[in-house]
Amino acid sequence: MTPEFVLSIAREGISTILIVAAPILGIGLAVGLLISIFQATTQIQEPTLAFVPKIAAVFISLLFFGGWMMRLLMNFTVNLWGNLGRLF
């Protein structure tokens, strides 16, 4: 086990996390921004108006992107378990 190998696994893990989380976070950010603009223009300051649509958008995006996210995570896990012999 070399430091370069450990760093490559860590780099791959971090990039996988960022790629998997990006669609969900982006959709939550976009919906939150739209709701904030709506609240600012109408001067409605109801906290549940901001919370409920973001939660719904995140759940819908999980349904839409869930299979793709699972495939990426499974590929990373299979690669990690395949390289387990090289760690020890």
Protein backbone atom coordinates (compact mmCIF):
# COMPACT_ATOMS: atom_id res chain seq x y z
CA MET A 1 0.00 0.00 0.00
CA THR A 2 1.57 3.21 -1.16
CA PRO A 3 0.56 6.74 -0.25
CA GLU A 4 -0.25 7.40 -3.91
CA PHE A 5 -2.71 4.49 -3.94
CA VAL A 6 -4.45 5.71 -0.79
CA LEU A 7 -4.64 9.24 -2.19
CA SER A 8 -6.11 7.97 -5.46
CA ILE A 9 -8.82 6.07 -3.58
CA ALA A 10 -9.56 9.15 -1.45
CA ARG A 11 -9.67 11.37 -4.55
CA GLU A 12 -12.03 8.95 -6.28
CA GLY A 13 -14.25 8.80 -3.19
CA ILE A 14 -14.48 12.58 -2.88
CA SER A 15 -15.22 13.03 -6.57
CA THR A 16 -17.90 10.32 -6.39
CA ILE A 17 -19.53 12.07 -3.43
CA LEU A 18 -19.52 15.42 -5.23
CA ILE A 19 -20.94 13.95 -8.45
CA VAL A 20 -23.67 12.05 -6.60
CA ALA A 21 -24.70 15.00 -4.41
CA ALA A 22 -24.57 17.70 -7.10
CA PRO A 23 -27.98 17.11 -8.78
CA ILE A 24 -29.87 16.97 -5.48
CA LEU A 25 -28.14 20.03 -4.05
CA GLY A 26 -28.53 21.95 -7.31
CA ILE A 27 -32.25 21.28 -7.52
CA GLY A 28 -32.72 22.18 -3.85
CA LEU A 29 -30.78 25.40 -4.40
CA ALA A 30 -32.78 26.33 -7.51
CA VAL A 31 -36.13 25.69 -5.82
CA GLY A 32 -35.03 27.59 -2.73
CA LEU A 33 -33.96 30.54 -4.87
CA LEU A 34 -37.26 30.58 -6.75
CA ILE A 35 -39.25 30.42 -3.50
CA SER A 36 -37.12 33.21 -2.01
CA ILE A 37 -37.73 35.42 -5.04
CA PHE A 38 -41.45 34.68 -4.80
CA GLN A 39 -41.47 35.53 -1.09
CA ALA A 40 -39.55 38.75 -1.66
CA THR A 41 -41.90 39.95 -4.40
CA THR A 42 -45.11 39.08 -2.56
CA GLN A 43 -43.77 39.90 0.93
CA ILE A 44 -45.08 36.60 2.28
CA GLN A 45 -42.71 35.49 5.04
CA GLU A 46 -44.10 32.07 5.87
CA PRO A 47 -41.32 29.57 6.80
CA THR A 48 -43.28 26.53 5.64
CA LEU A 49 -43.63 28.09 2.19
CA ALA A 50 -39.86 27.80 1.80
CA PHE A 51 -39.46 24.41 3.47
CA VAL A 52 -42.14 22.21 1.93
CA PRO A 53 -41.39 22.84 -1.79
CA LYS A 54 -37.67 22.24 -1.24
CA ILE A 55 -38.35 18.92 0.47
CA ALA A 56 -40.75 17.90 -2.30
CA ALA A 57 -38.22 18.87 -4.99
CA VAL A 58 -35.46 16.89 -3.28
CA PHE A 59 -37.68 13.80 -3.02
CA ILE A 60 -38.74 14.07 -6.66
CA SER A 61 -35.13 14.51 -7.76
CA LEU A 62 -34.17 11.46 -5.68
CA LEU A 63 -36.81 9.46 -7.54
CA PHE A 64 -35.51 10.75 -10.86
CA PHE A 65 -31.74 10.49 -10.20
CA GLY A 66 -31.80 7.61 -7.70
CA GLY A 67 -30.93 4.84 -10.15
CA TRP A 68 -28.04 6.79 -11.63
CA MET A 69 -26.74 7.67 -8.17
CA MET A 70 -26.96 4.04 -7.07
CA ARG A 71 -25.03 2.87 -10.14
CA LEU A 72 -22.23 5.37 -9.44
CA LEU A 73 -22.02 4.32 -5.80
CA MET A 74 -22.08 0.63 -6.72
CA ASN A 75 -19.29 1.11 -9.27
CA PHE A 76 -17.19 2.88 -6.66
CA THR A 77 -17.89 0.16 -4.08
CA VAL A 78 -17.06 -2.66 -6.50
CA ASN A 79 -13.84 -0.87 -7.44
CA LEU A 80 -12.99 -0.38 -3.76
CA TRP A 81 -13.65 -4.02 -2.87
CA GLY A 82 -11.69 -5.11 -5.95
CA ASN A 83 -8.68 -3.15 -4.74
CA LEU A 84 -9.01 -4.42 -1.16
CA GLY A 85 -6.28 -6.98 -1.74
CA ARG A 86 -3.83 -4.24 -2.66
CA LEU A 87 -4.45 -2.44 0.64
CA PHE A 88 -3.00 -5.16 2.83
